[in-house]
Amino acid sequence: MPKRILSGVVTSNANEQTVTVSVERRFTHPVMKKTIRKSKKYRAHDEKNAFNVGDKVQIQECAPKSKTKRWEVITA
């Protein structure tokens, strides 16, 4: 099964080797037919602490790195 890849914006880099990435998705409401924006935060592994708040990054699924980290940053 292929690994999922999501793109989003770094919202926090306070922890060592970890960034928080906010990923936004848009969809049409089934009844109201209005476009809705929902966002979700993912904690991703950043080996070299290379990314700062506001950077656009892509994250990829990986084996669990810690209790909350299941993603890793692959590119800026």
N, C-alpha and C. Protein backbone atom coordinates (compact mmCIF):
# COMPACT_ATOMS: atom_id res chain seq x y z
N MET A 1 0.83 -1.18 0.00
CA MET A 1 0.00 0.00 0.00
C MET A 1 0.89 1.25 0.00
N PRO A 2 0.61 2.21 -0.91
CA PRO A 2 1.46 3.40 -0.97
C PRO A 2 1.28 4.30 0.26
N LYS A 3 2.33 5.05 0.58
CA LYS A 3 2.27 5.96 1.72
C LYS A 3 1.57 7.25 1.31
N ARG A 4 0.74 7.76 2.19
CA ARG A 4 0.03 9.00 1.90
C ARG A 4 1.00 10.18 2.00
N ILE A 5 0.78 11.16 1.14
CA ILE A 5 1.57 12.39 1.16
C ILE A 5 0.59 13.55 1.27
N LEU A 6 0.83 14.42 2.25
CA LEU A 6 -0.01 15.59 2.46
C LEU A 6 0.87 16.84 2.41
N SER A 7 0.28 17.98 2.06
CA SER A 7 1.03 19.23 2.08
C SER A 7 0.34 20.21 2.99
N GLY A 8 1.14 20.99 3.71
CA GLY A 8 0.59 21.94 4.65
C GLY A 8 1.63 22.97 5.07
N VAL A 9 1.30 23.70 6.13
CA VAL A 9 2.14 24.79 6.60
C VAL A 9 2.61 24.48 8.02
N VAL A 10 3.89 24.72 8.28
CA VAL A 10 4.44 24.50 9.62
C VAL A 10 3.87 25.56 10.56
N THR A 11 3.27 25.11 11.67
CA THR A 11 2.70 26.04 12.64
C THR A 11 3.53 26.11 13.92
N SER A 12 4.39 25.13 14.17
CA SER A 12 5.22 25.14 15.37
C SER A 12 6.48 24.31 15.13
N ASN A 13 7.59 24.79 15.67
CA ASN A 13 8.84 24.02 15.63
C ASN A 13 9.52 24.08 16.99
N ALA A 14 8.74 24.17 18.06
CA ALA A 14 9.28 24.35 19.42
C ALA A 14 10.02 23.12 19.93
N ASN A 15 9.60 21.94 19.52
CA ASN A 15 10.23 20.72 20.02
C ASN A 15 11.40 20.29 19.14
N GLU A 16 12.33 19.58 19.74
CA GLU A 16 13.52 19.09 19.04
C GLU A 16 13.13 18.01 18.04
N GLN A 17 13.56 18.16 16.79
CA GLN A 17 13.33 17.21 15.69
C GLN A 17 11.85 16.96 15.41
N THR A 18 10.99 17.91 15.76
CA THR A 18 9.56 17.76 15.52
C THR A 18 8.98 19.08 15.04
N VAL A 19 8.10 19.00 14.04
CA VAL A 19 7.34 20.17 13.61
C VAL A 19 5.86 19.81 13.63
N THR A 20 5.03 20.80 13.87
CA THR A 20 3.59 20.63 13.78
C THR A 20 3.15 21.23 12.45
N VAL A 21 2.45 20.43 11.63
CA VAL A 21 2.04 20.86 10.31
C VAL A 21 0.52 20.91 10.26
N SER A 22 -0.02 22.04 9.83
CA SER A 22 -1.46 22.20 9.67
C SER A 22 -1.82 21.92 8.22
N VAL A 23 -2.67 20.92 8.00
CA VAL A 23 -3.08 20.52 6.66
C VAL A 23 -4.55 20.89 6.48
N GLU A 24 -4.83 21.66 5.42
CA GLU A 24 -6.19 22.10 5.16
C GLU A 24 -6.79 21.30 4.01
N ARG A 25 -8.06 20.91 4.17
CA ARG A 25 -8.76 20.23 3.08
C ARG A 25 -10.05 20.98 2.81
N ARG A 26 -10.47 20.97 1.56
CA ARG A 26 -11.70 21.63 1.15
C ARG A 26 -12.63 20.59 0.55
N PHE A 27 -13.89 20.72 0.88
CA PHE A 27 -14.88 19.82 0.32
C PHE A 27 -16.22 20.53 0.25
N THR A 28 -17.12 20.00 -0.56
CA THR A 28 -18.45 20.57 -0.70
C THR A 28 -19.40 19.88 0.27
N HIS A 29 -20.15 20.68 1.01
CA HIS A 29 -21.12 20.13 1.97
C HIS A 29 -22.19 19.38 1.19
N PRO A 30 -22.54 18.16 1.63
CA PRO A 30 -23.47 17.34 0.85
C PRO A 30 -24.88 17.93 0.71
N VAL A 31 -25.35 18.68 1.68
CA VAL A 31 -26.70 19.23 1.62
C VAL A 31 -26.69 20.70 1.20
N MET A 32 -25.82 21.50 1.84
CA MET A 32 -25.81 22.94 1.60
C MET A 32 -25.08 23.33 0.31
N LYS A 33 -24.27 22.42 -0.24
CA LYS A 33 -23.50 22.66 -1.47
C LYS A 33 -22.55 23.86 -1.33
N LYS A 34 -22.08 24.08 -0.11
CA LYS A 34 -21.15 25.16 0.16
C LYS A 34 -19.76 24.57 0.37
N THR A 35 -18.73 25.26 -0.10
CA THR A 35 -17.36 24.80 0.09
C THR A 35 -16.95 25.05 1.54
N ILE A 36 -16.47 24.00 2.19
CA ILE A 36 -16.07 24.07 3.59
C ILE A 36 -14.58 23.80 3.70
N ARG A 37 -13.90 24.57 4.58
CA ARG A 37 -12.48 24.37 4.83
C ARG A 37 -12.32 23.76 6.21
N LYS A 38 -11.62 22.63 6.28
CA LYS A 38 -11.31 22.01 7.57
C LYS A 38 -9.81 21.81 7.62
N SER A 39 -9.25 21.99 8.82
CA SER A 39 -7.82 21.78 8.96
C SER A 39 -7.55 20.80 10.09
N LYS A 40 -6.43 20.12 9.99
CA LYS A 40 -6.02 19.15 10.99
C LYS A 40 -4.52 19.30 11.18
N LYS A 41 -4.06 19.12 12.42
CA LYS A 41 -2.64 19.24 12.70
C LYS A 41 -2.00 17.86 12.82
N TYR A 42 -0.83 17.74 12.23
CA TYR A 42 -0.05 16.51 12.31
C TYR A 42 1.32 16.86 12.87
N ARG A 43 1.86 15.99 13.72
CA ARG A 43 3.22 16.15 14.21
C ARG A 43 4.13 15.30 13.33
N ALA A 44 5.16 15.93 12.79
CA ALA A 44 6.04 15.26 11.83
C ALA A 44 7.49 15.33 12.27
N HIS A 45 8.25 14.31 11.90
CA HIS A 45 9.67 14.21 12.25
C HIS A 45 10.50 15.09 11.31
N ASP A 46 11.32 15.94 11.89
CA ASP A 46 12.22 16.83 11.15
C ASP A 46 13.63 16.59 11.68
N GLU A 47 14.37 15.71 11.04
CA GLU A 47 15.67 15.22 11.53
C GLU A 47 16.66 16.34 11.85
N LYS A 48 16.76 17.34 10.95
CA LYS A 48 17.81 18.35 11.09
C LYS A 48 17.30 19.69 11.62
N ASN A 49 16.08 19.75 12.08
CA ASN A 49 15.47 21.01 12.55
C ASN A 49 15.59 22.09 11.47
N ALA A 50 15.28 21.73 10.23
CA ALA A 50 15.50 22.62 9.10
C ALA A 50 14.33 23.55 8.82
N PHE A 51 13.15 23.27 9.34
CA PHE A 51 11.96 24.01 8.95
C PHE A 51 11.49 24.95 10.05
N ASN A 52 11.00 26.12 9.64
CA ASN A 52 10.54 27.15 10.56
C ASN A 52 9.05 27.40 10.36
N VAL A 53 8.47 28.15 11.28
CA VAL A 53 7.05 28.47 11.21
C VAL A 53 6.75 29.23 9.92
N GLY A 54 5.70 28.82 9.22
CA GLY A 54 5.31 29.47 7.97
C GLY A 54 5.79 28.77 6.72
N ASP A 55 6.71 27.81 6.85
CA ASP A 55 7.22 27.09 5.68
C ASP A 55 6.15 26.13 5.15
N LYS A 56 6.06 26.04 3.81
CA LYS A 56 5.17 25.05 3.20
C LYS A 56 5.97 23.77 3.02
N VAL A 57 5.43 22.66 3.52
CA VAL A 57 6.14 21.39 3.47
C VAL A 57 5.21 20.28 3.02
N GLN A 58 5.82 19.16 2.62
CA GLN A 58 5.07 17.94 2.34
C GLN A 58 5.48 16.92 3.39
N ILE A 59 4.49 16.17 3.89
CA ILE A 59 4.77 15.14 4.89
C ILE A 59 4.31 13.80 4.36
N GLN A 60 4.98 12.75 4.78
CA GLN A 60 4.70 11.40 4.31
C GLN A 60 4.52 10.48 5.50
N GLU A 61 3.60 9.54 5.37
CA GLU A 61 3.37 8.55 6.41
C GLU A 61 4.62 7.72 6.64
N CYS A 62 4.83 7.31 7.90
CA CYS A 62 5.97 6.46 8.20
C CYS A 62 5.63 5.61 9.42
N ALA A 63 6.53 4.73 9.78
CA ALA A 63 6.36 3.93 10.99
C ALA A 63 6.40 4.87 12.19
N PRO A 64 5.74 4.52 13.29
CA PRO A 64 5.71 5.41 14.45
C PRO A 64 7.11 5.75 14.97
N LYS A 65 7.38 7.05 15.12
CA LYS A 65 8.65 7.52 15.65
C LYS A 65 8.56 7.76 17.15
N SER A 66 7.36 8.10 17.63
CA SER A 66 7.12 8.33 19.05
C SER A 66 5.63 8.15 19.31
N LYS A 67 5.18 8.56 20.49
CA LYS A 67 3.78 8.40 20.86
C LYS A 67 2.84 9.15 19.90
N THR A 68 3.25 10.33 19.43
CA THR A 68 2.38 11.14 18.59
C THR A 68 2.85 11.30 17.14
N LYS A 69 4.10 10.93 16.85
CA LYS A 69 4.63 11.16 15.50
C LYS A 69 4.47 9.93 14.62
N ARG A 70 3.72 10.10 13.53
CA ARG A 70 3.51 9.05 12.53
C ARG A 70 3.82 9.55 11.13
N TRP A 71 4.39 10.74 11.02
CA TRP A 71 4.68 11.38 9.75
C TRP A 71 6.11 11.90 9.77
N GLU A 72 6.68 12.08 8.56
CA GLU A 72 8.01 12.68 8.45
C GLU A 72 7.99 13.70 7.31
N VAL A 73 8.76 14.75 7.45
CA VAL A 73 8.84 15.80 6.43
C VAL A 73 9.72 15.31 5.31
N ILE A 74 9.23 15.41 4.06
CA ILE A 74 10.03 14.94 2.93
C ILE A 74 10.59 16.06 2.08
N THR A 75 9.91 17.19 2.01
CA THR A 75 10.40 18.30 1.19
C THR A 75 9.79 19.62 1.62
N ALA A 76 10.44 20.69 1.22
CA ALA A 76 9.93 22.04 1.56
C ALA A 76 9.03 22.54 0.45
